[in-house]
C-alpha cells in the first residue's frame, strides 16, 4: 500500500494493520464523496499522514492540552 510507504507507517500486529486499514478505507470513501463531480462540498479532500487515525485519535491530537491551567479566571476586556 502506497500510503504505508509514503508516510513510513508500521503496525505491530495484523490486527492493528486491519484496524488502520478500515480507518483508511472509511476516510477514502469520504474523500471520494467530497471530490465527486457535482458534490455539494466546497472544499477538496485528500489523504495525509493521519488517514489511518480514528476520529478520536485525531481529535485528541488536535485538541489543546491542559487549557484549564493556562486560561486566566477572568478575561481582561479592552
C-alpha atoms as a PDB file:
ATOM      1  CA  UNK A   1       0.000   0.000   0.000  1.00  0.00           C
ATOM      2  CA  UNK A   2       1.480   3.311  -1.081  1.00  0.00           C
ATOM      3  CA  UNK A   3       0.062   5.088   1.977  1.00  0.00           C
ATOM      4  CA  UNK A   4       2.187   2.949   4.317  1.00  0.00           C
ATOM      5  CA  UNK A   5       5.360   3.550   2.310  1.00  0.00           C
ATOM      6  CA  UNK A   6       4.754   7.273   1.764  1.00  0.00           C
ATOM      7  CA  UNK A   7       4.185   8.024   5.445  1.00  0.00           C
ATOM      8  CA  UNK A   8       6.616   5.391   6.781  1.00  0.00           C
ATOM      9  CA  UNK A   9       3.885   3.616   8.733  1.00  0.00           C
ATOM     10  CA  UNK A  10       4.396   0.354  10.592  1.00  0.00           C
ATOM     11  CA  UNK A  11       1.929  -1.689  12.576  1.00  0.00           C
ATOM     12  CA  UNK A  12       2.807  -4.093  15.363  1.00  0.00           C
ATOM     13  CA  UNK A  13       0.228  -6.758  14.580  1.00  0.00           C
ATOM     14  CA  UNK A  14      -2.028  -7.957  11.795  1.00  0.00           C
ATOM     15  CA  UNK A  15      -4.977  -6.831  13.924  1.00  0.00           C
ATOM     16  CA  UNK A  16      -3.617  -3.279  14.142  1.00  0.00           C
ATOM     17  CA  UNK A  17      -2.966  -3.277  10.391  1.00  0.00           C
ATOM     18  CA  UNK A  18      -6.558  -4.367   9.737  1.00  0.00           C
ATOM     19  CA  UNK A  19      -7.899  -1.725  12.134  1.00  0.00           C
ATOM     20  CA  UNK A  20      -5.845   1.013  10.445  1.00  0.00           C
ATOM     21  CA  UNK A  21      -6.853  -0.218   7.011  1.00  0.00           C
ATOM     22  CA  UNK A  22     -10.508   0.107   7.980  1.00  0.00           C
ATOM     23  CA  UNK A  23      -9.904   3.679   9.149  1.00  0.00           C
ATOM     24  CA  UNK A  24      -8.128   4.477   5.888  1.00  0.00           C
ATOM     25  CA  UNK A  25     -10.948   2.976   3.809  1.00  0.00           C
ATOM     26  CA  UNK A  26     -13.577   4.886   5.823  1.00  0.00           C
ATOM     27  CA  UNK A  27     -11.778   8.144   5.105  1.00  0.00           C
ATOM     28  CA  UNK A  28     -11.170   7.159   1.483  1.00  0.00           C
ATOM     29  CA  UNK A  29     -14.936   6.820   0.971  1.00  0.00           C
ATOM     30  CA  UNK A  30     -15.450  10.289   2.464  1.00  0.00           C
ATOM     31  CA  UNK A  31     -12.729  11.784   0.246  1.00  0.00           C
ATOM     32  CA  UNK A  32     -14.340  10.269  -2.848  1.00  0.00           C
ATOM     33  CA  UNK A  33     -17.709  11.688  -1.797  1.00  0.00           C
ATOM     34  CA  UNK A  34     -16.275  15.175  -1.236  1.00  0.00           C
ATOM     35  CA  UNK A  35     -14.354  15.208  -4.522  1.00  0.00           C
ATOM     36  CA  UNK A  36     -17.119  13.654  -6.656  1.00  0.00           C
ATOM     37  CA  UNK A  37     -18.375  15.721  -9.590  1.00  0.00           C
ATOM     38  CA  UNK A  38     -21.477  17.607  -8.523  1.00  0.00           C
ATOM     39  CA  UNK A  39     -20.646  17.305  -4.834  1.00  0.00           C
ATOM     40  CA  UNK A  40     -22.185  19.958  -2.611  1.00  0.00           C
ATOM     41  CA  UNK A  41     -18.930  20.226  -0.655  1.00  0.00           C
ATOM     42  CA  UNK A  42     -16.980  23.428  -1.205  1.00  0.00           C
ATOM     43  CA  UNK A  43     -13.542  22.002  -0.488  1.00  0.00           C
ATOM     44  CA  UNK A  44     -11.220  19.350  -1.875  1.00  0.00           C
ATOM     45  CA  UNK A  45     -10.163  16.469   0.350  1.00  0.00           C
ATOM     46  CA  UNK A  46      -7.087  14.239   0.201  1.00  0.00           C
ATOM     47  CA  UNK A  47      -5.210  11.681   2.267  1.00  0.00           C
ATOM     48  CA  UNK A  48      -2.437  12.702   4.655  1.00  0.00           C
ATOM     49  CA  UNK A  49      -0.383  11.091   7.416  1.00  0.00           C
ATOM     50  CA  UNK A  50      -3.455  10.985   9.665  1.00  0.00           C
ATOM     51  CA  UNK A  51      -5.627   8.976   7.262  1.00  0.00           C
ATOM     52  CA  UNK A  52      -5.375   5.832   9.387  1.00  0.00           C
ATOM     53  CA  UNK A  53      -6.294   7.582  12.650  1.00  0.00           C
ATOM     54  CA  UNK A  54      -9.698   7.205  14.266  1.00  0.00           C
ATOM     55  CA  UNK A  55     -11.686  10.401  14.768  1.00  0.00           C
ATOM     56  CA  UNK A  56     -10.998  10.143  18.491  1.00  0.00           C
ATOM     57  CA  UNK A  57      -7.225   9.847  17.966  1.00  0.00           C
ATOM     58  CA  UNK A  58      -7.180  12.743  15.526  1.00  0.00           C
ATOM     59  CA  UNK A  59      -9.297  14.987  17.766  1.00  0.00           C
ATOM     60  CA  UNK A  60      -7.126  14.172  20.780  1.00  0.00           C
ATOM     61  CA  UNK A  61      -4.038  15.099  18.798  1.00  0.00           C
ATOM     62  CA  UNK A  62      -5.537  18.387  17.616  1.00  0.00           C
ATOM     63  CA  UNK A  63      -7.027  19.446  20.957  1.00  0.00           C
ATOM     64  CA  UNK A  64      -5.098  21.779  23.213  1.00  0.00           C
ATOM     65  CA  UNK A  65      -3.958  20.050  26.373  1.00  0.00           C
ATOM     66  CA  UNK A  66      -4.189  21.476  29.882  1.00  0.00           C
ATOM     67  CA  UNK A  67      -6.095  24.548  28.745  1.00  0.00           C
ATOM     68  CA  UNK A  68      -7.660  24.982  32.187  1.00  0.00           C
ATOM     69  CA  UNK A  69      -4.189  25.605  33.619  1.00  0.00           C
ATOM     70  CA  UNK A  70      -3.362  28.247  31.011  1.00  0.00           C
ATOM     71  CA  UNK A  71      -6.576  30.296  30.985  1.00  0.00           C
ATOM     72  CA  UNK A  72      -6.965  33.201  33.387  1.00  0.00           C
ATOM     73  CA  UNK A  73     -10.032  33.099  35.644  1.00  0.00           C
ATOM     74  CA  UNK A  74     -11.383  36.360  34.268  1.00  0.00           C
ATOM     75  CA  UNK A  75     -10.555  37.645  30.817  1.00  0.00           C
ATOM     76  CA  UNK A  76      -9.482  41.240  30.597  1.00  0.00           C
ATOM     77  CA  UNK A  77     -11.724  43.376  28.387  1.00  0.00           C
ATOM     78  CA  UNK A  78     -10.399  46.117  26.176  1.00  0.00           C
END
